[in-house]
Amino acid sequence: MNFIINREDLLVPLQQIVSIIEKRQTMPILSNILIVVNEKYLVLTGTDLEIQLIAKINLNSSGTGEITIPARKFLDIIRLLTNEAEIKIELSNEKVKVSSGRSRFSLSTLAANNYPEFSESNFENQFLINAGKMKKALDKTVFCMANQDVRYYLNGLLLHISNSKLKLVASDGHRLSIYEDNIGAATGYETRIILPRKGVVELSRLLDDEDSELNIQFSNSNIKIQIKEYVFSAKLVDSKYPDFSKVFEQPFFNQIHVQKQLLKEALTRVAILSNEKFKGVTFEVTNGLLKLSSHNPEHDEAEEELIIEYQGEPISIAFNSQYLLDAVSNLDSELAVLSIASNSSSCFVEEPEQQLYRFIVMPMRL
């Protein structure tokens, strides 16, 4: 194995792959990156056995071969070389030698045939979607995923395909975000799968070209996504996502219309004096007026009033300010529409016209 490659061609794929490799591994070889070279391509592979990323780079090679080397050390070397540097990589006596200009490095290796194979089942379903559309859907929902919740289905993202419709749902039990869009072509099937949290985060990082196309294949246990020179694979969460449809089937107070930017700024200011742990802010809603207030154990208090569009009975309810800020910040419109359930069990945050994005937040007791 012997090849020369430009630093810029290698750096970005290497960074993407190293990001999925856990720093602490039960198997030493999982800390390594698999390098496979043939006459036309350099293929890099990294995995933690739950997700895998493969990158294929065009290459003119003078020899084939495969080996694994320490991923983070290799990345640090490439990252710290000068821009546009030509890098020579060769395998010699079970060491990989990396040289560029006057720099020389020698890395230990582990045999490629010991690198674990990522188990995949037959993919029954497939669809194509624009990367920019998928990226937007992820951005609108990923912040609601739980992190290390005992209800492990919440540590992921629901992907619901219904013929030509795409729906993404994420929740941590206290808030829930829903984003719906059109795939662009009929798939002919309806199914639901749950993507793992880490896989969702890494996939979102990959979607940096809005004009590219994703080829998504999945079964009940695995998903594989091809995007440009990358192949992303992940094991799905083996569980059923809870039915959240009943939250829509309840009476609501009249809608509250408020300027998004004014609400964001007021929430940010009032939250300064809220309890640092719970971030609670009280909403007092009367005809045409919204009063935000907060207090903390040090007896500090904050209060601010906003002019709103609302006619109806008075409402008093409290929310985690950060949850509401996350929701309002993800609205594309200038106007935020808040719908509070009549029993004060939940609040919907959405846009006045297109209903692509909805956010539901549960109230707090202060």
Protein backbone atom coordinates (compact mmCIF):
# COMPACT_ATOMS: atom_id res chain seq x y z
CA MET A 1 0.00 0.00 0.00
CA ASN A 2 1.53 3.22 -1.18
CA PHE A 3 -0.25 6.43 -2.25
CA ILE A 4 -0.06 10.23 -2.31
CA ILE A 5 -3.04 12.42 -1.46
CA ASN A 6 -3.72 16.12 -0.97
CA ARG A 7 -4.40 17.16 2.61
CA GLU A 8 -7.70 18.89 1.70
CA ASP A 9 -9.08 15.76 0.01
CA LEU A 10 -8.41 13.71 3.13
CA LEU A 11 -9.13 16.07 6.03
CA VAL A 12 -12.92 16.55 5.87
CA PRO A 13 -13.83 12.85 5.34
CA LEU A 14 -11.42 11.95 8.13
CA GLN A 15 -13.02 14.46 10.50
CA GLN A 16 -16.50 13.14 9.72
CA ILE A 17 -15.47 9.54 10.39
CA VAL A 18 -13.46 10.20 13.56
CA SER A 19 -16.46 12.01 15.10
CA ILE A 20 -18.41 8.74 15.31
CA ILE A 21 -15.55 6.79 16.91
CA GLU A 22 -15.87 6.63 20.69
CA LYS A 23 -12.82 7.73 22.65
CA ARG A 24 -13.11 4.79 25.02
CA GLN A 25 -13.57 1.42 23.40
CA THR A 26 -13.96 -2.11 24.75
CA MET A 27 -12.16 -3.37 21.62
CA PRO A 28 -8.87 -1.59 20.78
CA ILE A 29 -9.44 -1.96 17.03
CA LEU A 30 -12.60 0.18 17.27
CA SER A 31 -10.34 3.14 18.08
CA ASN A 32 -8.77 2.63 14.65
CA ILE A 33 -9.90 3.67 11.21
CA LEU A 34 -9.99 1.09 8.45
CA ILE A 35 -8.07 2.13 5.32
CA VAL A 36 -8.64 0.23 2.08
CA VAL A 37 -6.77 1.22 -1.09
CA ASN A 38 -7.34 0.07 -4.65
CA GLU A 39 -6.31 1.52 -8.02
CA LYS A 40 -9.11 4.12 -8.07
CA TYR A 41 -10.23 4.80 -4.53
CA LEU A 42 -9.19 5.32 -0.94
CA VAL A 43 -11.96 3.98 1.30
CA LEU A 44 -12.07 5.03 4.97
CA THR A 45 -14.34 3.31 7.51
CA GLY A 46 -15.12 4.05 11.14
CA THR A 47 -17.67 2.44 13.46
CA ASP A 48 -18.73 2.04 17.08
CA LEU A 49 -20.83 -1.04 16.16
CA GLU A 50 -24.04 1.01 16.46
CA ILE A 51 -23.33 3.42 13.60
CA GLN A 52 -20.83 3.30 10.76
CA LEU A 53 -19.54 5.82 8.24
CA ILE A 54 -17.68 5.00 5.03
CA ALA A 55 -16.01 7.64 2.84
CA LYS A 56 -14.76 7.00 -0.69
CA ILE A 57 -12.06 9.33 -2.07
CA ASN A 58 -10.81 9.33 -5.68
CA LEU A 59 -7.18 8.26 -5.81
CA ASN A 60 -4.40 7.31 -8.20
CA SER A 61 -2.63 4.55 -6.31
CA SER A 62 0.47 2.56 -7.08
CA GLY A 63 -0.61 -0.35 -4.90
CA THR A 64 -3.56 -1.93 -3.17
CA GLY A 65 -3.91 -2.96 0.45
CA GLU A 66 -5.82 -2.56 3.70
CA ILE A 67 -4.87 -1.79 7.29
CA THR A 68 -6.23 -0.07 10.41
CA ILE A 69 -4.47 2.79 12.23
CA PRO A 70 -5.26 4.92 15.31
CA ALA A 71 -8.01 7.28 14.13
CA ARG A 72 -7.50 10.32 16.34
CA LYS A 73 -3.71 10.32 16.04
CA PHE A 74 -4.02 10.10 12.26
CA LEU A 75 -6.52 12.99 12.22
CA ASP A 76 -4.31 15.15 14.46
CA ILE A 77 -1.35 14.62 12.12
CA ILE A 78 -3.33 15.48 8.97
CA ARG A 79 -5.06 18.45 10.61
CA LEU A 80 -1.78 20.05 11.72
CA LEU A 81 -0.02 19.74 8.36
CA THR A 82 0.06 22.84 6.15
CA ASN A 83 -2.82 23.64 3.79
CA GLU A 84 -2.71 21.93 0.38
CA ALA A 85 0.18 19.73 1.53
CA GLU A 86 0.91 16.59 -0.47
CA ILE A 87 0.89 13.62 1.89
CA LYS A 88 2.59 10.31 1.18
CA ILE A 89 1.24 7.27 3.00
CA GLU A 90 2.86 3.85 2.83
CA LEU A 91 2.67 0.58 4.73
CA SER A 92 6.01 -0.87 5.72
CA ASN A 93 6.81 -3.59 8.27
CA GLU A 94 3.41 -3.37 9.95
CA LYS A 95 3.78 0.41 10.38
CA VAL A 96 2.05 3.13 8.40
CA LYS A 97 4.48 5.90 7.51
CA VAL A 98 3.01 9.36 6.88
CA SER A 99 5.30 11.97 5.34
CA SER A 100 4.81 15.49 4.04
CA GLY A 101 7.58 17.97 3.33
CA ARG A 102 10.06 17.56 6.17
CA SER A 103 7.56 15.89 8.51
CA ARG A 104 7.72 12.15 9.17
CA PHE A 105 5.37 10.04 11.28
CA SER A 106 5.13 6.31 11.95
CA LEU A 107 1.88 4.83 13.25
CA SER A 108 1.22 1.41 14.74
CA THR A 109 -1.35 -0.77 13.00
CA LEU A 110 -3.79 -3.59 13.61
CA ALA A 111 -4.72 -6.11 10.92
CA ALA A 112 -7.69 -5.17 8.74
CA ASN A 113 -9.11 -8.70 8.83
CA ASN A 114 -9.80 -8.21 12.57
CA TYR A 115 -11.91 -5.10 11.93
CA PRO A 116 -15.51 -5.90 12.94
CA GLU A 117 -18.06 -6.20 10.16
CA PHE A 118 -21.11 -3.98 10.55
CA SER A 119 -24.11 -6.30 10.52
CA GLU A 120 -26.90 -5.24 8.18
CA SER A 121 -30.16 -6.91 7.21
CA ASN A 122 -31.90 -6.83 3.84
CA PHE A 123 -33.36 -3.39 3.18
CA GLU A 124 -37.05 -3.67 2.31
CA ASN A 125 -37.78 0.05 1.87
CA GLN A 126 -36.12 2.86 -0.05
CA PHE A 127 -36.75 6.48 -0.99
CA LEU A 128 -34.88 9.50 -2.31
CA ILE A 129 -35.01 12.94 -0.70
CA ASN A 130 -33.26 16.27 -1.09
CA ALA A 131 -30.51 16.72 1.52
CA GLY A 132 -31.55 20.31 2.26
CA LYS A 133 -35.11 19.20 3.01
CA MET A 134 -33.86 16.44 5.33
CA LYS A 135 -31.41 18.80 7.04
CA LYS A 136 -34.18 21.29 7.79
CA ALA A 137 -36.41 18.54 9.17
CA LEU A 138 -33.61 17.37 11.48
CA ASP A 139 -32.76 20.89 12.63
CA LYS A 140 -36.39 21.47 13.63
CA THR A 141 -36.58 18.33 15.78
CA VAL A 142 -33.23 17.00 17.07
CA PHE A 143 -33.01 19.42 20.02
CA CYS A 144 -36.05 17.72 21.58
CA MET A 145 -34.51 14.24 21.76
CA ALA A 146 -33.91 12.85 25.22
CA ASN A 147 -30.41 12.02 26.38
CA GLN A 148 -29.91 8.79 28.35
CA ASP A 149 -33.58 8.52 29.31
CA VAL A 150 -34.66 5.16 30.74
CA ARG A 151 -37.44 5.23 28.13
CA TYR A 152 -34.87 4.47 25.47
CA TYR A 153 -37.27 5.07 22.58
CA LEU A 154 -37.09 8.78 23.52
CA ASN A 155 -33.30 8.73 23.00
CA GLY A 156 -33.93 8.88 19.28
CA LEU A 157 -35.99 10.33 16.47
CA LEU A 158 -39.17 8.91 14.95
CA LEU A 159 -39.11 8.78 11.15
CA HIS A 160 -42.61 8.19 9.80
CA ILE A 161 -43.04 7.60 6.07
CA SER A 162 -46.59 7.61 4.72
CA ASN A 163 -46.41 7.26 0.93
CA SER A 164 -45.11 10.69 -0.18
CA LYS A 165 -45.28 12.27 3.28
CA LEU A 166 -42.36 12.54 5.71
CA LYS A 167 -42.85 13.18 9.43
CA LEU A 168 -40.09 13.53 12.02
CA VAL A 169 -40.91 13.52 15.73
CA ALA A 170 -38.66 13.98 18.78
CA SER A 171 -39.52 14.25 22.47
CA ASP A 172 -37.84 14.12 25.87
CA GLY A 173 -41.11 13.68 27.74
CA HIS A 174 -41.40 17.39 28.59
CA ARG A 175 -41.64 18.77 25.06
CA LEU A 176 -42.25 17.41 21.60
CA SER A 177 -41.45 18.69 18.12
CA ILE A 178 -43.08 17.54 14.89
CA TYR A 179 -41.96 18.41 11.38
CA GLU A 180 -43.88 17.30 8.30
CA ASP A 181 -42.94 17.68 4.65
CA ASN A 182 -43.40 16.11 1.25
CA ILE A 183 -40.74 13.66 0.10
CA GLY A 184 -41.36 14.58 -3.52
CA ALA A 185 -42.37 11.15 -4.87
CA ALA A 186 -44.73 8.37 -3.83
CA THR A 187 -43.08 5.51 -1.90
CA GLY A 188 -46.10 3.21 -1.88
CA TYR A 189 -45.74 2.22 1.78
CA GLU A 190 -46.27 3.46 5.34
CA THR A 191 -43.85 2.65 8.14
CA ARG A 192 -42.24 4.04 11.30
CA ILE A 193 -38.66 3.62 12.50
CA ILE A 194 -36.65 5.16 15.35
CA LEU A 195 -33.16 6.47 14.59
CA PRO A 196 -30.69 6.48 17.54
CA ARG A 197 -29.68 9.82 19.01
CA LYS A 198 -26.00 9.62 18.07
CA GLY A 199 -26.86 8.53 14.55
CA VAL A 200 -29.20 11.50 14.11
CA VAL A 201 -26.54 13.96 15.31
CA GLU A 202 -23.87 12.53 13.01
CA LEU A 203 -26.25 12.39 10.04
CA SER A 204 -27.15 16.05 10.52
CA ARG A 205 -23.44 16.91 10.49
CA LEU A 206 -23.04 15.14 7.15
CA LEU A 207 -25.76 17.13 5.39
CA ASP A 208 -23.67 20.15 4.42
CA ASP A 209 -24.72 20.28 0.74
CA GLU A 210 -28.37 21.28 0.41
CA ASP A 211 -28.52 20.43 -3.30
CA SER A 212 -27.36 16.82 -3.02
CA GLU A 213 -29.69 13.84 -2.91
CA LEU A 214 -30.00 11.21 -0.22
CA ASN A 215 -30.68 7.58 -1.04
CA ILE A 216 -32.26 6.14 2.11
CA GLN A 217 -32.72 2.40 2.56
CA PHE A 218 -34.03 0.78 5.73
CA SER A 219 -35.43 -2.36 7.31
CA ASN A 220 -36.88 -3.00 10.76
CA SER A 221 -33.41 -3.05 12.29
CA ASN A 222 -31.05 -0.98 10.10
CA ILE A 223 -30.86 2.15 7.99
CA LYS A 224 -28.34 3.00 5.26
CA ILE A 225 -28.03 6.45 3.70
CA GLN A 226 -25.88 7.27 0.69
CA ILE A 227 -24.90 10.90 0.22
CA LYS A 228 -22.20 11.92 -2.26
CA GLU A 229 -19.00 10.08 -1.29
CA TYR A 230 -20.37 8.85 2.07
CA VAL A 231 -22.33 5.78 3.14
CA PHE A 232 -23.89 6.18 6.60
CA SER A 233 -25.32 3.15 8.42
CA ALA A 234 -27.01 2.79 11.79
CA LYS A 235 -28.83 0.22 13.88
CA LEU A 236 -32.39 1.34 14.65
CA VAL A 237 -33.93 1.55 18.11
CA ASP A 238 -35.92 -1.63 18.66
CA SER A 239 -39.05 -0.15 20.20
CA LYS A 240 -42.41 1.44 19.46
CA TYR A 241 -42.76 5.21 19.68
CA PRO A 242 -45.61 6.33 21.95
CA ASP A 243 -48.87 7.52 20.36
CA PHE A 244 -48.93 11.30 20.75
CA SER A 245 -52.00 11.92 18.53
CA LYS A 246 -54.37 12.31 21.49
CA VAL A 247 -52.71 15.57 22.46
CA PHE A 248 -54.35 17.11 19.38
CA GLU A 249 -57.81 15.83 20.36
CA GLN A 250 -58.58 18.25 23.17
CA PRO A 251 -60.18 21.70 23.57
CA PHE A 252 -57.96 24.78 23.53
CA PHE A 253 -58.19 28.39 24.58
CA ASN A 254 -58.28 30.95 21.77
CA GLN A 255 -54.99 31.32 19.94
CA ILE A 256 -52.40 33.84 21.11
CA HIS A 257 -50.59 35.73 18.33
CA VAL A 258 -47.33 37.41 19.32
CA GLN A 259 -44.33 38.79 17.44
CA LYS A 260 -41.65 36.12 17.49
CA GLN A 261 -38.67 38.42 18.01
CA LEU A 262 -40.34 40.38 20.81
CA LEU A 263 -41.26 37.15 22.61
CA LYS A 264 -37.71 35.77 22.26
CA GLU A 265 -36.16 38.94 23.66
CA ALA A 266 -38.62 39.22 26.54
CA LEU A 267 -38.21 35.54 27.47
CA THR A 268 -34.42 35.88 27.43
CA ARG A 269 -34.52 38.92 29.73
CA VAL A 270 -37.08 37.57 32.20
CA ALA A 271 -35.30 34.21 32.40
CA ILE A 272 -32.20 35.89 33.84
CA LEU A 273 -33.86 36.01 37.27
CA SER A 274 -35.59 32.65 37.08
CA ASN A 275 -34.56 29.63 39.12
CA GLU A 276 -31.27 28.49 37.56
CA LYS A 277 -32.27 24.83 37.71
CA PHE A 278 -35.85 24.96 36.41
CA LYS A 279 -35.79 28.16 34.29
CA GLY A 280 -39.47 28.74 35.05
CA VAL A 281 -41.31 31.77 33.62
CA THR A 282 -44.99 32.51 34.35
CA PHE A 283 -47.35 33.62 31.56
CA GLU A 284 -50.34 35.77 32.56
CA VAL A 285 -52.57 36.16 29.50
CA THR A 286 -55.43 38.68 29.33
CA ASN A 287 -57.16 40.40 26.44
CA GLY A 288 -54.43 41.96 24.28
CA LEU A 289 -51.67 41.56 26.90
CA LEU A 290 -49.10 38.95 27.92
CA LYS A 291 -47.23 39.44 31.19
CA LEU A 292 -44.05 37.39 31.70
CA SER A 293 -42.63 37.07 35.21
CA SER A 294 -39.99 35.09 37.07
CA HIS A 295 -38.43 34.82 40.51
CA ASN A 296 -35.73 32.77 42.22
CA PRO A 297 -34.76 31.55 45.72
CA GLU A 298 -32.70 34.73 46.23
CA HIS A 299 -36.01 36.69 45.97
CA ASP A 300 -35.01 38.40 42.73
CA GLU A 301 -37.92 39.16 40.42
CA ALA A 302 -38.43 40.10 36.78
CA GLU A 303 -41.52 41.17 34.90
CA GLU A 304 -42.24 42.23 31.33
CA GLU A 305 -45.38 42.94 29.30
CA LEU A 306 -46.03 42.30 25.60
CA ILE A 307 -48.88 43.44 23.37
CA ILE A 308 -50.51 40.39 21.80
CA GLU A 309 -53.54 39.42 19.74
CA TYR A 310 -55.82 37.52 22.11
CA GLN A 311 -59.47 37.70 23.10
CA GLY A 312 -60.75 35.25 25.67
CA GLU A 313 -60.70 34.27 29.31
CA PRO A 314 -57.56 34.97 31.37
CA ILE A 315 -54.87 32.27 31.46
CA SER A 316 -52.11 31.73 34.00
CA ILE A 317 -49.49 29.09 33.21
CA ALA A 318 -45.73 28.56 33.65
CA PHE A 319 -43.13 27.08 31.30
CA ASN A 320 -39.46 26.25 31.15
CA SER A 321 -38.16 29.35 29.36
CA GLN A 322 -35.44 27.48 27.45
CA TYR A 323 -37.97 25.02 26.03
CA LEU A 324 -40.09 27.88 24.71
CA LEU A 325 -37.06 29.73 23.37
CA ASP A 326 -35.98 26.62 21.45
CA ALA A 327 -39.44 26.34 19.92
CA VAL A 328 -39.88 30.00 19.00
CA SER A 329 -36.34 30.21 17.57
CA ASN A 330 -37.19 27.43 15.12
CA LEU A 331 -40.19 29.25 13.64
CA ASP A 332 -39.62 30.62 10.14
CA SER A 333 -42.46 33.15 10.35
CA GLU A 334 -42.33 36.52 12.11
CA LEU A 335 -45.44 35.67 14.08
CA ALA A 336 -45.68 32.96 16.74
CA VAL A 337 -49.01 31.29 17.41
CA LEU A 338 -49.50 29.83 20.90
CA SER A 339 -52.43 27.51 21.65
CA ILE A 340 -52.87 26.52 25.30
CA ALA A 341 -55.00 23.50 26.16
CA SER A 342 -58.15 24.30 28.17
CA ASN A 343 -56.96 22.08 31.02
CA SER A 344 -53.49 23.75 30.88
CA SER A 345 -51.84 20.41 30.14
CA SER A 346 -49.86 21.59 27.10
CA CYS A 347 -49.07 24.51 24.82
CA PHE A 348 -48.68 24.34 21.03
CA VAL A 349 -46.21 26.68 19.34
CA GLU A 350 -46.61 26.95 15.58
CA GLU A 351 -46.66 29.27 12.58
CA PRO A 352 -49.81 31.13 11.46
CA GLU A 353 -50.01 29.72 7.93
CA GLN A 354 -48.00 26.68 6.89
CA GLN A 355 -48.28 23.89 9.43
CA LEU A 356 -45.00 22.10 8.68
CA TYR A 357 -43.59 22.59 12.14
CA ARG A 358 -45.29 22.18 15.52
CA PHE A 359 -43.82 22.27 18.98
CA ILE A 360 -45.60 21.11 22.12
CA VAL A 361 -44.34 21.99 25.59
CA MET A 362 -45.70 20.80 28.94
CA PRO A 363 -46.26 23.41 31.67
CA MET A 364 -44.44 23.67 34.99
CA ARG A 365 -45.63 24.14 38.54
CA LEU A 366 -43.93 27.06 40.25
